[in-house]
Amino acid sequence: MTWCKKCGSTQNQVKSGKTSAGSQRMYCKQCRTVYTPIKKCYDKDIKILACQLYLSGKSFRQVGKKFNVDGNTVSMWVQKFSSNF
């Protein structure tokens, strides 16, 4: 769910093209502002805990459900975590 940076509204948000870098642009019908949504960032501790759960035998999907993220995201976290060792 996206929210407007200017008025904070989560309703009446529609897609409004893309930036030159390829990021999705959004338009707030309430305050008539065009903006780029903020990218989701997850705390490093959550990523490490998710990796530990996966290594303890849980599936990517099970770990993802616990942290409310997609299983593919958990898979990427595990790959990045394992490449550091």
N, C-alpha and C. Protein backbone atom coordinates (compact mmCIF):
# COMPACT_ATOMS: atom_id res chain seq x y z
N MET A 1 0.84 -1.17 0.00
CA MET A 1 0.00 0.00 0.00
C MET A 1 0.89 1.24 0.00
N THR A 2 0.59 2.16 -0.88
CA THR A 2 1.36 3.40 -0.93
C THR A 2 0.61 4.51 -0.22
N TRP A 3 1.35 5.47 0.23
CA TRP A 3 0.77 6.62 0.90
C TRP A 3 1.45 7.87 0.38
N CYS A 4 0.70 8.95 0.33
CA CYS A 4 1.19 10.22 -0.19
C CYS A 4 2.17 10.85 0.81
N LYS A 5 3.30 11.30 0.29
CA LYS A 5 4.30 11.95 1.14
C LYS A 5 3.82 13.31 1.65
N LYS A 6 2.95 13.96 0.88
CA LYS A 6 2.52 15.31 1.24
C LYS A 6 1.36 15.30 2.23
N CYS A 7 0.28 14.55 1.91
CA CYS A 7 -0.91 14.61 2.78
C CYS A 7 -1.08 13.35 3.64
N GLY A 8 -0.32 12.28 3.36
CA GLY A 8 -0.41 11.06 4.15
C GLY A 8 -1.56 10.15 3.81
N SER A 9 -2.34 10.49 2.80
CA SER A 9 -3.50 9.69 2.42
C SER A 9 -3.09 8.36 1.79
N THR A 10 -3.83 7.31 2.10
CA THR A 10 -3.60 6.01 1.47
C THR A 10 -4.68 5.69 0.45
N GLN A 11 -5.68 6.54 0.37
CA GLN A 11 -6.77 6.35 -0.59
C GLN A 11 -6.56 7.28 -1.78
N ASN A 12 -7.17 6.91 -2.90
CA ASN A 12 -7.10 7.71 -4.13
C ASN A 12 -5.69 7.86 -4.66
N GLN A 13 -4.88 6.80 -4.56
CA GLN A 13 -3.54 6.78 -5.11
C GLN A 13 -3.58 5.98 -6.41
N VAL A 14 -3.13 6.57 -7.52
CA VAL A 14 -3.14 5.89 -8.81
C VAL A 14 -1.76 5.96 -9.45
N LYS A 15 -1.46 4.99 -10.31
CA LYS A 15 -0.19 4.98 -11.02
C LYS A 15 -0.15 6.16 -11.99
N SER A 16 1.06 6.73 -12.12
CA SER A 16 1.22 7.91 -12.98
C SER A 16 2.52 7.84 -13.77
N GLY A 17 2.75 6.72 -14.45
CA GLY A 17 3.94 6.58 -15.27
C GLY A 17 5.15 6.12 -14.49
N LYS A 18 6.30 6.30 -15.12
CA LYS A 18 7.56 5.86 -14.51
C LYS A 18 8.60 6.97 -14.64
N THR A 19 9.59 6.94 -13.76
CA THR A 19 10.69 7.89 -13.83
C THR A 19 11.66 7.42 -14.91
N SER A 20 12.65 8.23 -15.23
CA SER A 20 13.65 7.84 -16.23
C SER A 20 14.47 6.64 -15.77
N ALA A 21 14.54 6.43 -14.45
CA ALA A 21 15.25 5.28 -13.90
C ALA A 21 14.39 4.02 -13.88
N GLY A 22 13.09 4.17 -14.18
CA GLY A 22 12.20 3.02 -14.22
C GLY A 22 11.37 2.80 -12.98
N SER A 23 11.46 3.70 -11.99
CA SER A 23 10.66 3.57 -10.78
C SER A 23 9.22 4.01 -11.05
N GLN A 24 8.28 3.36 -10.39
CA GLN A 24 6.86 3.70 -10.54
C GLN A 24 6.57 5.07 -9.92
N ARG A 25 5.83 5.91 -10.62
CA ARG A 25 5.38 7.19 -10.10
C ARG A 25 3.92 7.04 -9.70
N MET A 26 3.50 7.73 -8.66
CA MET A 26 2.12 7.67 -8.18
C MET A 26 1.54 9.08 -8.16
N TYR A 27 0.22 9.16 -8.27
CA TYR A 27 -0.50 10.44 -8.24
C TYR A 27 -1.54 10.36 -7.13
N CYS A 28 -1.53 11.35 -6.25
CA CYS A 28 -2.52 11.44 -5.18
C CYS A 28 -3.65 12.33 -5.66
N LYS A 29 -4.84 11.75 -5.82
CA LYS A 29 -5.99 12.53 -6.28
C LYS A 29 -6.48 13.50 -5.22
N GLN A 30 -6.15 13.23 -3.97
CA GLN A 30 -6.63 14.08 -2.88
C GLN A 30 -5.91 15.43 -2.85
N CYS A 31 -4.57 15.41 -2.94
CA CYS A 31 -3.83 16.68 -2.89
C CYS A 31 -3.15 17.01 -4.21
N ARG A 32 -3.38 16.17 -5.24
CA ARG A 32 -2.86 16.40 -6.60
C ARG A 32 -1.35 16.47 -6.65
N THR A 33 -0.70 15.56 -5.95
CA THR A 33 0.75 15.50 -5.93
C THR A 33 1.23 14.24 -6.65
N VAL A 34 2.29 14.38 -7.43
CA VAL A 34 2.93 13.23 -8.08
C VAL A 34 4.18 12.92 -7.27
N TYR A 35 4.38 11.65 -6.94
CA TYR A 35 5.52 11.26 -6.09
C TYR A 35 5.99 9.85 -6.44
N THR A 36 7.17 9.51 -5.98
CA THR A 36 7.71 8.16 -6.10
C THR A 36 7.61 7.51 -4.73
N PRO A 37 6.94 6.35 -4.63
CA PRO A 37 6.80 5.69 -3.32
C PRO A 37 8.15 5.33 -2.72
N ILE A 38 8.19 5.30 -1.40
CA ILE A 38 9.40 4.94 -0.67
C ILE A 38 9.59 3.43 -0.74
N LYS A 39 10.81 3.00 -1.02
CA LYS A 39 11.13 1.58 -1.10
C LYS A 39 11.11 0.97 0.30
N LYS A 40 10.59 -0.25 0.40
CA LYS A 40 10.55 -0.94 1.69
C LYS A 40 11.97 -1.29 2.13
N CYS A 41 12.27 -1.06 3.38
CA CYS A 41 13.55 -1.43 3.95
C CYS A 41 13.29 -2.27 5.20
N TYR A 42 14.03 -3.35 5.33
CA TYR A 42 13.88 -4.22 6.47
C TYR A 42 15.13 -4.14 7.34
N ASP A 43 14.94 -4.17 8.64
CA ASP A 43 16.02 -4.10 9.60
C ASP A 43 16.96 -5.29 9.43
N LYS A 44 18.24 -5.06 9.63
CA LYS A 44 19.24 -6.12 9.47
C LYS A 44 18.96 -7.28 10.43
N ASP A 45 18.48 -6.97 11.64
CA ASP A 45 18.18 -8.02 12.61
C ASP A 45 17.08 -8.95 12.12
N ILE A 46 16.08 -8.40 11.43
CA ILE A 46 15.00 -9.23 10.88
C ILE A 46 15.54 -10.15 9.80
N LYS A 47 16.43 -9.63 8.97
CA LYS A 47 17.02 -10.45 7.90
C LYS A 47 17.84 -11.60 8.49
N ILE A 48 18.60 -11.31 9.52
CA ILE A 48 19.42 -12.35 10.16
C ILE A 48 18.55 -13.39 10.82
N LEU A 49 17.50 -12.96 11.52
CA LEU A 49 16.58 -13.89 12.15
C LEU A 49 15.88 -14.77 11.12
N ALA A 50 15.49 -14.17 9.99
CA ALA A 50 14.86 -14.94 8.92
C ALA A 50 15.81 -15.99 8.38
N CYS A 51 17.07 -15.63 8.20
CA CYS A 51 18.07 -16.59 7.72
C CYS A 51 18.26 -17.72 8.72
N GLN A 52 18.29 -17.39 10.01
CA GLN A 52 18.45 -18.41 11.04
C GLN A 52 17.27 -19.38 11.03
N LEU A 53 16.06 -18.85 10.87
CA LEU A 53 14.88 -19.72 10.81
C LEU A 53 14.94 -20.64 9.60
N TYR A 54 15.39 -20.10 8.45
CA TYR A 54 15.51 -20.93 7.26
C TYR A 54 16.54 -22.04 7.49
N LEU A 55 17.67 -21.69 8.08
CA LEU A 55 18.73 -22.68 8.32
C LEU A 55 18.32 -23.71 9.37
N SER A 56 17.33 -23.38 10.20
CA SER A 56 16.86 -24.34 11.21
C SER A 56 15.85 -25.32 10.62
N GLY A 57 15.50 -25.15 9.33
CA GLY A 57 14.64 -26.14 8.69
C GLY A 57 13.32 -25.62 8.16
N LYS A 58 13.00 -24.36 8.39
CA LYS A 58 11.76 -23.79 7.86
C LYS A 58 11.94 -23.50 6.38
N SER A 59 10.83 -23.51 5.64
CA SER A 59 10.89 -23.18 4.21
C SER A 59 10.89 -21.67 4.03
N PHE A 60 11.27 -21.24 2.80
CA PHE A 60 11.25 -19.81 2.51
C PHE A 60 9.85 -19.24 2.73
N ARG A 61 8.85 -20.01 2.31
CA ARG A 61 7.47 -19.55 2.43
C ARG A 61 7.06 -19.42 3.90
N GLN A 62 7.43 -20.41 4.73
CA GLN A 62 7.08 -20.36 6.15
C GLN A 62 7.73 -19.16 6.83
N VAL A 63 8.99 -18.93 6.52
CA VAL A 63 9.71 -17.78 7.11
C VAL A 63 9.08 -16.47 6.62
N GLY A 64 8.74 -16.43 5.34
CA GLY A 64 8.12 -15.23 4.78
C GLY A 64 6.80 -14.90 5.46
N LYS A 65 5.99 -15.93 5.72
CA LYS A 65 4.70 -15.70 6.39
C LYS A 65 4.91 -15.14 7.79
N LYS A 66 5.93 -15.62 8.48
CA LYS A 66 6.21 -15.15 9.84
C LYS A 66 6.55 -13.66 9.85
N PHE A 67 7.27 -13.19 8.84
CA PHE A 67 7.71 -11.80 8.79
C PHE A 67 6.89 -10.95 7.81
N ASN A 68 5.85 -11.54 7.25
CA ASN A 68 4.96 -10.84 6.32
C ASN A 68 5.71 -10.31 5.09
N VAL A 69 6.59 -11.15 4.54
CA VAL A 69 7.30 -10.84 3.30
C VAL A 69 7.16 -12.04 2.36
N ASP A 70 7.46 -11.85 1.11
CA ASP A 70 7.39 -12.92 0.13
C ASP A 70 8.54 -13.91 0.35
N GLY A 71 8.29 -15.17 0.03
CA GLY A 71 9.32 -16.20 0.16
C GLY A 71 10.53 -15.91 -0.71
N ASN A 72 10.33 -15.27 -1.87
CA ASN A 72 11.45 -14.92 -2.74
C ASN A 72 12.36 -13.89 -2.07
N THR A 73 11.78 -13.01 -1.29
CA THR A 73 12.58 -12.02 -0.56
C THR A 73 13.46 -12.71 0.47
N VAL A 74 12.88 -13.68 1.17
CA VAL A 74 13.66 -14.44 2.14
C VAL A 74 14.79 -15.18 1.44
N SER A 75 14.50 -15.75 0.27
CA SER A 75 15.51 -16.45 -0.51
C SER A 75 16.68 -15.53 -0.86
N MET A 76 16.38 -14.30 -1.26
CA MET A 76 17.45 -13.34 -1.58
C MET A 76 18.27 -13.00 -0.34
N TRP A 77 17.59 -12.85 0.82
CA TRP A 77 18.31 -12.56 2.05
C TRP A 77 19.27 -13.69 2.39
N VAL A 78 18.82 -14.93 2.25
CA VAL A 78 19.66 -16.09 2.56
C VAL A 78 20.85 -16.14 1.60
N GLN A 79 20.63 -15.88 0.33
CA GLN A 79 21.72 -15.89 -0.65
C GLN A 79 22.76 -14.83 -0.31
N LYS A 80 22.31 -13.63 0.04
CA LYS A 80 23.25 -12.55 0.40
C LYS A 80 23.99 -12.89 1.68
N PHE A 81 23.25 -13.46 2.65
CA PHE A 81 23.86 -13.82 3.93
C PHE A 81 24.91 -14.91 3.74
N SER A 82 24.61 -15.92 2.91
CA SER A 82 25.55 -17.03 2.71
C SER A 82 26.74 -16.62 1.87
N SER A 83 26.61 -15.61 1.02
CA SER A 83 27.73 -15.17 0.20
C SER A 83 28.78 -14.43 1.03
N ASN A 84 28.39 -13.97 2.22
CA ASN A 84 29.34 -13.29 3.10
C ASN A 84 30.28 -14.26 3.81
N PHE A 85 29.98 -15.56 3.73
CA PHE A 85 30.82 -16.55 4.41
C PHE A 85 31.54 -17.43 3.45
